[in-house]
């Protein structure tokens, strides 16, 4: 009995944008969908919650959902993707994704972080 465990070559979803750098390596960046905002973790509050300054100018208390708790680690000054709640969306939200440094630089060069940078320079 022979099993073929080949992966499809088009495994990237529409949410991830794949770019080639000058060195030839690929950078995969998850972009915010509708209803999601970028944010920077200001401080960790404990019990899995953090205070996040979001790109829409609001500060939210955000938590990591249970399905992501073991594999998503956030520290202060980390760029994250936040999904505001339906109820009390101005004050609370969920952290869906944490960006790495090279992804942060790519987003900064493309202009996705303009609102966050302007807010941090007060």
PDB file of N, CA and C in Angstrom:
ATOM      1  N   UNK A   1       0.838  -1.164   0.000  1.00  0.00           N
ATOM      2  CA  UNK A   1       0.000   0.000   0.000  1.00  0.00           C
ATOM      3  C   UNK A   1       0.892   1.238   0.000  1.00  0.00           C
ATOM      4  N   UNK A   2       0.730   2.131  -0.959  1.00  0.00           N
ATOM      5  CA  UNK A   2       1.551   3.328  -1.089  1.00  0.00           C
ATOM      6  C   UNK A   2       0.654   4.538  -0.882  1.00  0.00           C
ATOM      7  N   UNK A   3       1.121   5.434  -0.011  1.00  0.00           N
ATOM      8  CA  UNK A   3       0.388   6.667   0.257  1.00  0.00           C
ATOM      9  C   UNK A   3       1.168   7.830  -0.329  1.00  0.00           C
ATOM     10  N   UNK A   4       0.477   8.714  -0.950  1.00  0.00           N
ATOM     11  CA  UNK A   4       1.104   9.882  -1.538  1.00  0.00           C
ATOM     12  C   UNK A   4       0.685  11.107  -0.733  1.00  0.00           C
ATOM     13  N   UNK A   5       1.641  11.702  -0.032  1.00  0.00           N
ATOM     14  CA  UNK A   5       1.359  12.858   0.810  1.00  0.00           C
ATOM     15  C   UNK A   5       1.942  14.117   0.183  1.00  0.00           C
ATOM     16  N   UNK A   6       1.571  14.406  -1.033  1.00  0.00           N
ATOM     17  CA  UNK A   6       2.053  15.598  -1.724  1.00  0.00           C
ATOM     18  C   UNK A   6       1.203  16.795  -1.314  1.00  0.00           C
ATOM     19  N   UNK A   7       1.845  17.897  -1.102  1.00  0.00           N
ATOM     20  CA  UNK A   7       1.120  19.128  -0.799  1.00  0.00           C
ATOM     21  C   UNK A   7       0.875  19.894  -2.082  1.00  0.00           C
ATOM     22  N   UNK A   8      -0.234  20.573  -2.122  1.00  0.00           N
ATOM     23  CA  UNK A   8      -0.506  21.374  -3.309  1.00  0.00           C
ATOM     24  C   UNK A   8       0.404  22.591  -3.308  1.00  0.00           C
ATOM     25  N   UNK A   9       0.762  23.051  -4.480  1.00  0.00           N
ATOM     26  CA  UNK A   9       1.695  24.171  -4.589  1.00  0.00           C
ATOM     27  C   UNK A   9       1.022  25.506  -4.284  1.00  0.00           C
ATOM     28  N   UNK A  10      -0.274  25.589  -4.401  1.00  0.00           N
ATOM     29  CA  UNK A  10      -0.988  26.830  -4.118  1.00  0.00           C
ATOM     30  C   UNK A  10      -1.616  26.751  -2.729  1.00  0.00           C
ATOM     31  N   UNK A  11      -0.785  26.658  -1.723  1.00  0.00           N
ATOM     32  CA  UNK A  11      -1.291  26.500  -0.361  1.00  0.00           C
ATOM     33  C   UNK A  11      -1.508  27.826   0.357  1.00  0.00           C
ATOM     34  N   UNK A  12      -1.144  28.939  -0.254  1.00  0.00           N
ATOM     35  CA  UNK A  12      -1.312  30.231   0.382  1.00  0.00           C
ATOM     36  C   UNK A  12      -2.724  30.738   0.136  1.00  0.00           C
ATOM     37  N   UNK A  13      -3.355  31.232   1.177  1.00  0.00           N
ATOM     38  CA  UNK A  13      -4.712  31.737   1.010  1.00  0.00           C
ATOM     39  C   UNK A  13      -4.672  33.160   0.461  1.00  0.00           C
ATOM     40  N   UNK A  14      -5.828  33.704   0.192  1.00  0.00           N
ATOM     41  CA  UNK A  14      -5.907  35.057  -0.333  1.00  0.00           C
ATOM     42  C   UNK A  14      -5.515  36.089   0.712  1.00  0.00           C
ATOM     43  N   UNK A  15      -5.534  35.695   1.981  1.00  0.00           N
ATOM     44  CA  UNK A  15      -5.199  36.636   3.038  1.00  0.00           C
ATOM     45  C   UNK A  15      -3.709  36.897   3.123  1.00  0.00           C
ATOM     46  N   UNK A  16      -2.901  35.994   2.595  1.00  0.00           N
ATOM     47  CA  UNK A  16      -1.458  36.145   2.666  1.00  0.00           C
ATOM     48  C   UNK A  16      -0.946  36.650   1.332  1.00  0.00           C
ATOM     49  N   UNK A  17      -0.073  37.601   1.391  1.00  0.00           N
ATOM     50  CA  UNK A  17       0.512  38.127   0.177  1.00  0.00           C
ATOM     51  C   UNK A  17       1.965  37.690   0.150  1.00  0.00           C
ATOM     52  N   UNK A  18       2.378  37.051  -0.919  1.00  0.00           N
ATOM     53  CA  UNK A  18       3.729  36.519  -1.035  1.00  0.00           C
ATOM     54  C   UNK A  18       4.533  37.470  -1.903  1.00  0.00           C
ATOM     55  N   UNK A  19       5.652  37.925  -1.394  1.00  0.00           N
ATOM     56  CA  UNK A  19       6.507  38.853  -2.122  1.00  0.00           C
ATOM     57  C   UNK A  19       7.920  38.308  -2.181  1.00  0.00           C
ATOM     58  N   UNK A  20       8.596  38.558  -3.289  1.00  0.00           N
ATOM     59  CA  UNK A  20       9.987  38.177  -3.449  1.00  0.00           C
ATOM     60  C   UNK A  20      10.848  39.380  -3.094  1.00  0.00           C
ATOM     61  N   UNK A  21      11.871  39.165  -2.284  1.00  0.00           N
ATOM     62  CA  UNK A  21      12.812  40.221  -1.970  1.00  0.00           C
ATOM     63  C   UNK A  21      13.947  40.185  -2.982  1.00  0.00           C
ATOM     64  N   UNK A  22      14.891  41.122  -2.868  1.00  0.00           N
ATOM     65  CA  UNK A  22      16.003  41.164  -3.803  1.00  0.00           C
ATOM     66  C   UNK A  22      16.885  39.920  -3.679  1.00  0.00           C
ATOM     67  N   UNK A  23      16.972  39.339  -2.482  1.00  0.00           N
ATOM     68  CA  UNK A  23      17.794  38.157  -2.276  1.00  0.00           C
ATOM     69  C   UNK A  23      17.119  36.896  -2.787  1.00  0.00           C
ATOM     70  N   UNK A  24      15.841  36.964  -3.119  1.00  0.00           N
ATOM     71  CA  UNK A  24      15.138  35.814  -3.654  1.00  0.00           C
ATOM     72  C   UNK A  24      14.306  35.059  -2.639  1.00  0.00           C
ATOM     73  N   UNK A  25      14.314  35.460  -1.366  1.00  0.00           N
ATOM     74  CA  UNK A  25      13.508  34.761  -0.373  1.00  0.00           C
ATOM     75  C   UNK A  25      12.100  35.340  -0.353  1.00  0.00           C
ATOM     76  N   UNK A  26      11.148  34.519   0.036  1.00  0.00           N
ATOM     77  CA  UNK A  26       9.752  34.938   0.059  1.00  0.00           C
ATOM     78  C   UNK A  26       9.371  35.445   1.437  1.00  0.00           C
ATOM     79  N   UNK A  27       8.532  36.479   1.464  1.00  0.00           N
ATOM     80  CA  UNK A  27       7.972  36.990   2.711  1.00  0.00           C
ATOM     81  C   UNK A  27       6.460  36.850   2.593  1.00  0.00           C
ATOM     82  N   UNK A  28       5.853  36.124   3.524  1.00  0.00           N
ATOM     83  CA  UNK A  28       4.400  35.962   3.544  1.00  0.00           C
ATOM     84  C   UNK A  28       3.836  36.867   4.626  1.00  0.00           C
ATOM     85  N   UNK A  29       2.923  37.723   4.245  1.00  0.00           N
ATOM     86  CA  UNK A  29       2.361  38.691   5.187  1.00  0.00           C
ATOM     87  C   UNK A  29       0.844  38.563   5.165  1.00  0.00           C
ATOM     88  N   UNK A  30       0.265  38.382   6.334  1.00  0.00           N
ATOM     89  CA  UNK A  30      -1.194  38.348   6.430  1.00  0.00           C
ATOM     90  C   UNK A  30      -1.695  39.775   6.544  1.00  0.00           C
ATOM     91  N   UNK A  31      -2.558  40.156   5.629  1.00  0.00           N
ATOM     92  CA  UNK A  31      -3.111  41.503   5.610  1.00  0.00           C
ATOM     93  C   UNK A  31      -4.458  41.514   6.320  1.00  0.00           C
ATOM     94  N   UNK A  32      -4.834  42.669   6.917  1.00  0.00           N
ATOM     95  CA  UNK A  32      -6.120  42.732   7.611  1.00  0.00           C
ATOM     96  C   UNK A  32      -7.299  42.660   6.646  1.00  0.00           C
ATOM     97  N   UNK A  33      -8.288  41.835   7.005  1.00  0.00           N
ATOM     98  CA  UNK A  33      -9.536  41.767   6.246  1.00  0.00           C
ATOM     99  C   UNK A  33     -10.461  42.874   6.744  1.00  0.00           C
ATOM    100  N   UNK A  34     -11.672  42.903   6.216  1.00  0.00           N
ATOM    101  CA  UNK A  34     -12.636  43.890   6.683  1.00  0.00           C
ATOM    102  C   UNK A  34     -13.014  43.568   8.126  1.00  0.00           C
ATOM    103  N   UNK A  35     -13.050  44.578   8.946  1.00  0.00           N
ATOM    104  CA  UNK A  35     -13.380  44.393  10.352  1.00  0.00           C
ATOM    105  C   UNK A  35     -12.174  44.117  11.225  1.00  0.00           C
ATOM    106  N   UNK A  36     -10.977  43.997  10.653  1.00  0.00           N
ATOM    107  CA  UNK A  36      -9.760  43.754  11.429  1.00  0.00           C
ATOM    108  C   UNK A  36      -8.866  44.985  11.349  1.00  0.00           C
ATOM    109  N   UNK A  37      -8.125  45.238  12.426  1.00  0.00           N
ATOM    110  CA  UNK A  37      -7.218  46.383  12.468  1.00  0.00           C
ATOM    111  C   UNK A  37      -5.851  45.921  12.973  1.00  0.00           C
ATOM    112  N   UNK A  38      -4.837  46.692  12.626  1.00  0.00           N
ATOM    113  CA  UNK A  38      -3.498  46.438  13.137  1.00  0.00           C
ATOM    114  C   UNK A  38      -3.332  47.169  14.462  1.00  0.00           C
ATOM    115  N   UNK A  39      -2.490  46.639  15.326  1.00  0.00           N
ATOM    116  CA  UNK A  39      -2.261  47.278  16.613  1.00  0.00           C
ATOM    117  C   UNK A  39      -0.911  46.916  17.177  1.00  0.00           C
ATOM    118  N   UNK A  40      -0.467  47.703  18.153  1.00  0.00           N
ATOM    119  CA  UNK A  40       0.795  47.464  18.847  1.00  0.00           C
ATOM    120  C   UNK A  40       0.477  47.195  20.314  1.00  0.00           C
ATOM    121  N   UNK A  41       1.012  46.103  20.840  1.00  0.00           N
ATOM    122  CA  UNK A  41       0.776  45.742  22.243  1.00  0.00           C
ATOM    123  C   UNK A  41       1.492  46.758  23.122  1.00  0.00           C
ATOM    124  N   UNK A  42       0.720  47.408  23.978  1.00  0.00           N
ATOM    125  CA  UNK A  42       1.277  48.425  24.861  1.00  0.00           C
ATOM    126  C   UNK A  42       1.796  47.794  26.149  1.00  0.00           C
ATOM    127  N   UNK A  43       0.965  46.968  26.784  1.00  0.00           N
ATOM    128  CA  UNK A  43       1.351  46.340  28.045  1.00  0.00           C
ATOM    129  C   UNK A  43       0.539  45.057  28.211  1.00  0.00           C
ATOM    130  N   UNK A  44       1.143  44.071  28.856  1.00  0.00           N
ATOM    131  CA  UNK A  44       0.431  42.832  29.177  1.00  0.00           C
ATOM    132  C   UNK A  44      -0.223  43.005  30.539  1.00  0.00           C
ATOM    133  N   UNK A  45      -1.494  42.635  30.620  1.00  0.00           N
ATOM    134  CA  UNK A  45      -2.256  42.856  31.843  1.00  0.00           C
ATOM    135  C   UNK A  45      -2.380  41.609  32.709  1.00  0.00           C
ATOM    136  N   UNK A  46      -2.050  40.456  32.175  1.00  0.00           N
ATOM    137  CA  UNK A  46      -2.207  39.211  32.909  1.00  0.00           C
ATOM    138  C   UNK A  46      -3.485  38.507  32.518  1.00  0.00           C
ATOM    139  N   UNK A  47      -3.567  37.226  32.848  1.00  0.00           N
ATOM    140  CA  UNK A  47      -4.726  36.385  32.526  1.00  0.00           C
ATOM    141  C   UNK A  47      -4.989  36.348  31.021  1.00  0.00           C
ATOM    142  N   UNK A  48      -3.920  36.411  30.216  1.00  0.00           N
ATOM    143  CA  UNK A  48      -4.059  36.307  28.767  1.00  0.00           C
ATOM    144  C   UNK A  48      -4.572  37.558  28.095  1.00  0.00           C
ATOM    145  N   UNK A  49      -4.544  38.692  28.771  1.00  0.00           N
ATOM    146  CA  UNK A  49      -5.056  39.931  28.196  1.00  0.00           C
ATOM    147  C   UNK A  49      -3.931  40.948  28.042  1.00  0.00           C
ATOM    148  N   UNK A  50      -4.089  41.824  27.064  1.00  0.00           N
ATOM    149  CA  UNK A  50      -3.107  42.867  26.784  1.00  0.00           C
ATOM    150  C   UNK A  50      -3.829  44.144  26.401  1.00  0.00           C
ATOM    151  N   UNK A  51      -3.178  45.272  26.634  1.00  0.00           N
ATOM    152  CA  UNK A  51      -3.705  46.552  26.166  1.00  0.00           C
ATOM    153  C   UNK A  51      -3.028  46.858  24.836  1.00  0.00           C
ATOM    154  N   UNK A  52      -3.842  47.081  23.791  1.00  0.00           N
ATOM    155  CA  UNK A  52      -3.336  47.254  22.434  1.00  0.00           C
ATOM    156  C   UNK A  52      -3.778  48.613  21.899  1.00  0.00           C
ATOM    157  N   UNK A  53      -2.833  49.368  21.334  1.00  0.00           N
ATOM    158  CA  UNK A  53      -3.143  50.619  20.655  1.00  0.00           C
ATOM    159  C   UNK A  53      -3.384  50.272  19.197  1.00  0.00           C
ATOM    160  N   UNK A  54      -4.606  50.505  18.706  1.00  0.00           N
ATOM    161  CA  UNK A  54      -5.008  50.071  17.367  1.00  0.00           C
ATOM    162  C   UNK A  54      -4.856  51.195  16.348  1.00  0.00           C
ATOM    163  N   UNK A  55      -4.836  50.818  15.080  1.00  0.00           N
ATOM    164  CA  UNK A  55      -4.621  51.788  14.000  1.00  0.00           C
ATOM    165  C   UNK A  55      -5.814  52.704  13.777  1.00  0.00           C
ATOM    166  N   UNK A  56      -6.984  52.373  14.328  1.00  0.00           N
ATOM    167  CA  UNK A  56      -8.142  53.255  14.197  1.00  0.00           C
ATOM    168  C   UNK A  56      -8.207  54.296  15.309  1.00  0.00           C
ATOM    169  N   UNK A  57      -7.147  54.396  16.122  1.00  0.00           N
ATOM    170  CA  UNK A  57      -7.058  55.427  17.148  1.00  0.00           C
ATOM    171  C   UNK A  57      -7.628  55.035  18.491  1.00  0.00           C
ATOM    172  N   UNK A  58      -8.056  53.800  18.670  1.00  0.00           N
ATOM    173  CA  UNK A  58      -8.652  53.360  19.924  1.00  0.00           C
ATOM    174  C   UNK A  58      -7.707  52.419  20.653  1.00  0.00           C
ATOM    175  N   UNK A  59      -7.806  52.433  21.974  1.00  0.00           N
ATOM    176  CA  UNK A  59      -7.042  51.512  22.807  1.00  0.00           C
ATOM    177  C   UNK A  59      -7.997  50.440  23.298  1.00  0.00           C
ATOM    178  N   UNK A  60      -7.655  49.178  23.043  1.00  0.00           N
ATOM    179  CA  UNK A  60      -8.537  48.061  23.391  1.00  0.00           C
ATOM    180  C   UNK A  60      -7.846  47.106  24.347  1.00  0.00           C
ATOM    181  N   UNK A  61      -8.659  46.474  25.188  1.00  0.00           N
ATOM    182  CA  UNK A  61      -8.208  45.350  25.998  1.00  0.00           C
ATOM    183  C   UNK A  61      -8.451  44.101  25.154  1.00  0.00           C
ATOM    184  N   UNK A  62      -7.380  43.428  24.757  1.00  0.00           N
ATOM    185  CA  UNK A  62      -7.497  42.301  23.830  1.00  0.00           C
ATOM    186  C   UNK A  62      -7.029  41.019  24.499  1.00  0.00           C
ATOM    187  N   UNK A  63      -7.634  39.917  24.077  1.00  0.00           N
ATOM    188  CA  UNK A  63      -7.254  38.607  24.591  1.00  0.00           C
ATOM    189  C   UNK A  63      -6.893  37.706  23.428  1.00  0.00           C
ATOM    190  N   UNK A  64      -6.134  36.664  23.734  1.00  0.00           N
ATOM    191  CA  UNK A  64      -5.823  35.641  22.744  1.00  0.00           C
ATOM    192  C   UNK A  64      -6.892  34.565  22.880  1.00  0.00           C
ATOM    193  N   UNK A  65      -7.637  34.245  21.809  1.00  0.00           N
ATOM    194  CA  UNK A  65      -8.683  33.221  21.913  1.00  0.00           C
ATOM    195  C   UNK A  65      -8.099  31.864  22.307  1.00  0.00           C
ATOM    196  N   UNK A  66      -8.942  31.020  22.871  1.00  0.00           N
ATOM    197  CA  UNK A  66      -8.502  29.738  23.411  1.00  0.00           C
ATOM    198  C   UNK A  66      -7.822  28.839  22.398  1.00  0.00           C
ATOM    199  N   UNK A  67      -8.271  28.846  21.148  1.00  0.00           N
ATOM    200  CA  UNK A  67      -7.667  27.985  20.130  1.00  0.00           C
ATOM    201  C   UNK A  67      -6.246  28.411  19.787  1.00  0.00           C
ATOM    202  N   UNK A  68      -5.898  29.677  20.048  1.00  0.00           N
ATOM    203  CA  UNK A  68      -4.574  30.199  19.705  1.00  0.00           C
ATOM    204  C   UNK A  68      -3.655  30.376  20.912  1.00  0.00           C
ATOM    205  N   UNK A  69      -4.117  30.076  22.117  1.00  0.00           N
ATOM    206  CA  UNK A  69      -3.349  30.386  23.319  1.00  0.00           C
ATOM    207  C   UNK A  69      -1.979  29.732  23.365  1.00  0.00           C
ATOM    208  N   UNK A  70      -1.873  28.501  22.940  1.00  0.00           N
ATOM    209  CA  UNK A  70      -0.599  27.790  23.033  1.00  0.00           C
ATOM    210  C   UNK A  70       0.398  28.175  21.945  1.00  0.00           C
ATOM    211  N   UNK A  71      -0.097  28.632  20.792  1.00  0.00           N
ATOM    212  CA  UNK A  71       0.824  28.900  19.692  1.00  0.00           C
ATOM    213  C   UNK A  71       1.017  30.369  19.357  1.00  0.00           C
ATOM    214  N   UNK A  72       0.344  31.258  20.054  1.00  0.00           N
ATOM    215  CA  UNK A  72       0.476  32.685  19.784  1.00  0.00           C
ATOM    216  C   UNK A  72       0.993  33.386  21.032  1.00  0.00           C
ATOM    217  N   UNK A  73       2.215  33.881  20.957  1.00  0.00           N
ATOM    218  CA  UNK A  73       2.842  34.578  22.083  1.00  0.00           C
ATOM    219  C   UNK A  73       2.990  36.044  21.727  1.00  0.00           C
ATOM    220  N   UNK A  74       2.554  36.910  22.624  1.00  0.00           N
ATOM    221  CA  UNK A  74       2.678  38.346  22.392  1.00  0.00           C
ATOM    222  C   UNK A  74       3.459  38.967  23.530  1.00  0.00           C
ATOM    223  N   UNK A  75       4.265  39.930  23.191  1.00  0.00           N
ATOM    224  CA  UNK A  75       5.067  40.705  24.130  1.00  0.00           C
ATOM    225  C   UNK A  75       4.793  42.181  23.875  1.00  0.00           C
ATOM    226  N   UNK A  76       5.153  43.056  24.798  1.00  0.00           N
ATOM    227  CA  UNK A  76       4.995  44.496  24.543  1.00  0.00           C
ATOM    228  C   UNK A  76       5.776  44.930  23.299  1.00  0.00           C
ATOM    229  N   UNK A  77       5.250  45.903  22.589  1.00  0.00           N
ATOM    230  CA  UNK A  77       5.802  46.452  21.344  1.00  0.00           C
ATOM    231  C   UNK A  77       5.770  45.458  20.194  1.00  0.00           C
ATOM    232  N   UNK A  78       4.869  44.492  20.235  1.00  0.00           N
ATOM    233  CA  UNK A  78       4.684  43.548  19.147  1.00  0.00           C
ATOM    234  C   UNK A  78       3.530  44.027  18.268  1.00  0.00           C
ATOM    235  N   UNK A  79       3.699  43.931  16.955  1.00  0.00           N
ATOM    236  CA  UNK A  79       2.634  44.281  16.026  1.00  0.00           C
ATOM    237  C   UNK A  79       1.686  43.093  15.906  1.00  0.00           C
ATOM    238  N   UNK A  80       0.389  43.335  16.111  1.00  0.00           N
ATOM    239  CA  UNK A  80      -0.605  42.259  16.100  1.00  0.00           C
ATOM    240  C   UNK A  80      -1.788  42.645  15.226  1.00  0.00           C
ATOM    241  N   UNK A  81      -2.556  41.632  14.852  1.00  0.00           N
ATOM    242  CA  UNK A  81      -3.799  41.812  14.106  1.00  0.00           C
ATOM    243  C   UNK A  81      -4.953  41.611  15.078  1.00  0.00           C
ATOM    244  N   UNK A  82      -5.837  42.607  15.174  1.00  0.00           N
ATOM    245  CA  UNK A  82      -6.899  42.618  16.176  1.00  0.00           C
ATOM    246  C   UNK A  82      -8.255  42.572  15.486  1.00  0.00           C
ATOM    247  N   UNK A  83      -9.142  41.730  16.006  1.00  0.00           N
ATOM    248  CA  UNK A  83     -10.540  41.666  15.558  1.00  0.00           C
ATOM    249  C   UNK A  83     -11.409  42.226  16.679  1.00  0.00           C
ATOM    250  N   UNK A  84     -11.967  43.447  16.526  1.00  0.00           N
ATOM    251  CA  UNK A  84     -12.828  44.004  17.573  1.00  0.00           C
ATOM    252  C   UNK A  84     -14.083  43.150  17.772  1.00  0.00           C
ATOM    253  N   UNK A  85     -14.546  43.106  19.011  1.00  0.00           N
ATOM    254  CA  UNK A  85     -15.757  42.355  19.321  1.00  0.00           C
ATOM    255  C   UNK A  85     -16.975  43.056  18.736  1.00  0.00           C
ATOM    256  N   UNK A  86     -18.058  42.289  18.550  1.00  0.00           N
ATOM    257  CA  UNK A  86     -19.308  42.872  18.077  1.00  0.00           C
ATOM    258  C   UNK A  86     -19.942  43.749  19.156  1.00  0.00           C
ATOM    259  N   UNK A  87     -19.873  43.280  20.397  1.00  0.00           N
ATOM    260  CA  UNK A  87     -20.377  44.042  21.539  1.00  0.00           C
ATOM    261  C   UNK A  87     -19.178  44.678  22.222  1.00  0.00           C
ATOM    262  N   UNK A  88     -19.246  45.952  22.529  1.00  0.00           N
ATOM    263  CA  UNK A  88     -18.151  46.716  23.125  1.00  0.00           C
ATOM    264  C   UNK A  88     -16.906  46.670  22.248  1.00  0.00           C
ATOM    265  N   UNK A  89     -17.081  46.807  20.936  1.00  0.00           N
ATOM    266  CA  UNK A  89     -15.972  46.737  19.993  1.00  0.00           C
ATOM    267  C   UNK A  89     -14.975  47.866  20.116  1.00  0.00           C
ATOM    268  N   UNK A  90     -15.400  48.994  20.741  1.00  0.00           N
ATOM    269  CA  UNK A  90     -14.478  50.107  20.932  1.00  0.00           C
ATOM    270  C   UNK A  90     -13.516  49.869  22.090  1.00  0.00           C
ATOM    271  N   UNK A  91     -13.857  48.923  22.972  1.00  0.00           N
ATOM    272  CA  UNK A  91     -13.055  48.694  24.167  1.00  0.00           C
ATOM    273  C   UNK A  91     -12.364  47.337  24.192  1.00  0.00           C
ATOM    274  N   UNK A  92     -12.917  46.337  23.488  1.00  0.00           N
ATOM    275  CA  UNK A  92     -12.402  44.971  23.602  1.00  0.00           C
ATOM    276  C   UNK A  92     -12.218  44.339  22.233  1.00  0.00           C
ATOM    277  N   UNK A  93     -11.338  43.322  22.177  1.00  0.00           N
ATOM    278  CA  UNK A  93     -11.095  42.627  20.923  1.00  0.00           C
ATOM    279  C   UNK A  93     -10.287  41.356  21.138  1.00  0.00           C
ATOM    280  N   UNK A  94     -10.075  40.628  20.052  1.00  0.00           N
ATOM    281  CA  UNK A  94      -9.286  39.394  20.061  1.00  0.00           C
ATOM    282  C   UNK A  94      -8.029  39.598  19.233  1.00  0.00           C
ATOM    283  N   UNK A  95      -6.908  39.047  19.704  1.00  0.00           N
ATOM    284  CA  UNK A  95      -5.659  39.068  18.947  1.00  0.00           C
ATOM    285  C   UNK A  95      -5.644  37.820  18.075  1.00  0.00           C
ATOM    286  N   UNK A  96      -5.576  38.018  16.764  1.00  0.00           N
ATOM    287  CA  UNK A  96      -5.643  36.903  15.827  1.00  0.00           C
ATOM    288  C   UNK A  96      -4.279  36.467  15.298  1.00  0.00           C
ATOM    289  N   UNK A  97      -3.330  37.403  15.221  1.00  0.00           N
ATOM    290  CA  UNK A  97      -2.047  37.099  14.587  1.00  0.00           C
ATOM    291  C   UNK A  97      -0.983  38.022  15.138  1.00  0.00           C
ATOM    292  N   UNK A  98       0.222  37.520  15.265  1.00  0.00           N
ATOM    293  CA  UNK A  98       1.364  38.306  15.717  1.00  0.00           C
ATOM    294  C   UNK A  98       2.392  38.343  14.588  1.00  0.00           C
ATOM    295  N   UNK A  99       2.832  39.536  14.207  1.00  0.00           N
ATOM    296  CA  UNK A  99       3.760  39.692  13.091  1.00  0.00           C
ATOM    297  C   UNK A  99       5.204  39.577  13.547  1.00  0.00           C
ATOM    298  N   UNK A 100       6.052  39.030  12.690  1.00  0.00           N
ATOM    299  CA  UNK A 100       7.490  38.959  12.935  1.00  0.00           C
ATOM    300  C   UNK A 100       8.133  40.255  12.455  1.00  0.00           C
ATOM    301  N   UNK A 101       9.419  40.448  12.779  1.00  0.00           N
ATOM    302  CA  UNK A 101      10.101  41.712  12.465  1.00  0.00           C
ATOM    303  C   UNK A 101      10.179  41.968  10.957  1.00  0.00           C
ATOM    304  N   UNK A 102      10.505  40.938  10.158  1.00  0.00           N
ATOM    305  CA  UNK A 102      10.605  41.174   8.722  1.00  0.00           C
ATOM    306  C   UNK A 102       9.235  41.486   8.114  1.00  0.00           C
ATOM    307  N   UNK A 103       8.170  40.926   8.677  1.00  0.00           N
ATOM    308  CA  UNK A 103       6.827  41.251   8.214  1.00  0.00           C
ATOM    309  C   UNK A 103       6.453  42.677   8.597  1.00  0.00           C
ATOM    310  N   UNK A 104       6.889  43.114   9.788  1.00  0.00           N
ATOM    311  CA  UNK A 104       6.651  44.499  10.211  1.00  0.00           C
ATOM    312  C   UNK A 104       7.323  45.477   9.266  1.00  0.00           C
ATOM    313  N   UNK A 105       8.563  45.192   8.889  1.00  0.00           N
ATOM    314  CA  UNK A 105       9.287  46.081   7.980  1.00  0.00           C
ATOM    315  C   UNK A 105       8.605  46.139   6.617  1.00  0.00           C
ATOM    316  N   UNK A 106       8.107  45.003   6.134  1.00  0.00           N
ATOM    317  CA  UNK A 106       7.412  44.984   4.852  1.00  0.00           C
ATOM    318  C   UNK A 106       6.144  45.829   4.910  1.00  0.00           C
ATOM    319  N   UNK A 107       5.364  45.682   6.002  1.00  0.00           N
ATOM    320  CA  UNK A 107       4.139  46.467   6.161  1.00  0.00           C
ATOM    321  C   UNK A 107       4.446  47.956   6.274  1.00  0.00           C
ATOM    322  N   UNK A 108       5.547  48.277   6.941  1.00  0.00           N
ATOM    323  CA  UNK A 108       5.940  49.673   7.110  1.00  0.00           C
ATOM    324  C   UNK A 108       6.325  50.283   5.761  1.00  0.00           C
ATOM    325  N   UNK A 109       7.082  49.534   4.947  1.00  0.00           N
ATOM    326  CA  UNK A 109       7.489  50.035   3.634  1.00  0.00           C
ATOM    327  C   UNK A 109       6.297  50.212   2.700  1.00  0.00           C
ATOM    328  N   UNK A 110       5.279  49.371   2.837  1.00  0.00           N
ATOM    329  CA  UNK A 110       4.102  49.448   1.967  1.00  0.00           C
ATOM    330  C   UNK A 110       3.075  50.460   2.442  1.00  0.00           C
ATOM    331  N   UNK A 111       3.249  51.048   3.637  1.00  0.00           N
ATOM    332  CA  UNK A 111       2.358  52.103   4.103  1.00  0.00           C
ATOM    333  C   UNK A 111       1.174  51.649   4.929  1.00  0.00           C
ATOM    334  N   UNK A 112       1.173  50.397   5.390  1.00  0.00           N
ATOM    335  CA  UNK A 112       0.066  49.908   6.207  1.00  0.00           C
ATOM    336  C   UNK A 112       0.125  50.434   7.646  1.00  0.00           C
ATOM    337  N   UNK A 113       1.282  50.889   8.089  1.00  0.00           N
ATOM    338  CA  UNK A 113       1.449  51.295   9.483  1.00  0.00           C
ATOM    339  C   UNK A 113       1.485  52.803   9.672  1.00  0.00           C
ATOM    340  N   UNK A 114       1.054  53.585   8.683  1.00  0.00           N
ATOM    341  CA  UNK A 114       1.113  55.046   8.791  1.00  0.00           C
ATOM    342  C   UNK A 114       0.325  55.563   9.985  1.00  0.00           C
ATOM    343  N   UNK A 115      -0.895  55.048  10.191  1.00  0.00           N
ATOM    344  CA  UNK A 115      -1.739  55.520  11.295  1.00  0.00           C
ATOM    345  C   UNK A 115      -1.114  55.190  12.646  1.00  0.00           C
ATOM    346  N   UNK A 116      -0.526  54.018  12.772  1.00  0.00           N
ATOM    347  CA  UNK A 116       0.087  53.632  14.046  1.00  0.00           C
ATOM    348  C   UNK A 116       1.323  54.469  14.350  1.00  0.00           C
ATOM    349  N   UNK A 117       2.123  54.748  13.335  1.00  0.00           N
ATOM    350  CA  UNK A 117       3.342  55.533  13.542  1.00  0.00           C
ATOM    351  C   UNK A 117       2.981  56.959  13.938  1.00  0.00           C
ATOM    352  N   UNK A 118       1.953  57.536  13.318  1.00  0.00           N
ATOM    353  CA  UNK A 118       1.517  58.888  13.672  1.00  0.00           C
ATOM    354  C   UNK A 118       1.012  58.942  15.106  1.00  0.00           C
ATOM    355  N   UNK A 119       0.329  57.922  15.568  1.00  0.00           N
ATOM    356  CA  UNK A 119      -0.185  57.904  16.934  1.00  0.00           C
ATOM    357  C   UNK A 119       0.938  57.762  17.952  1.00  0.00           C
ATOM    358  N   UNK A 120       1.981  57.018  17.627  1.00  0.00           N
ATOM    359  CA  UNK A 120       3.075  56.781  18.566  1.00  0.00           C
ATOM    360  C   UNK A 120       3.971  57.998  18.722  1.00  0.00           C
ATOM    361  N   UNK A 121       3.937  58.958  17.781  1.00  0.00           N
ATOM    362  CA  UNK A 121       4.829  60.106  17.815  1.00  0.00           C
ATOM    363  C   UNK A 121       4.254  61.318  18.539  1.00  0.00           C
ATOM    364  N   UNK A 122       3.308  61.127  19.418  1.00  0.00           N
ATOM    365  CA  UNK A 122       2.744  62.273  20.132  1.00  0.00           C
ATOM    366  C   UNK A 122       3.721  62.708  21.139  1.00  0.00           C
TER     367      UNK A 122
END
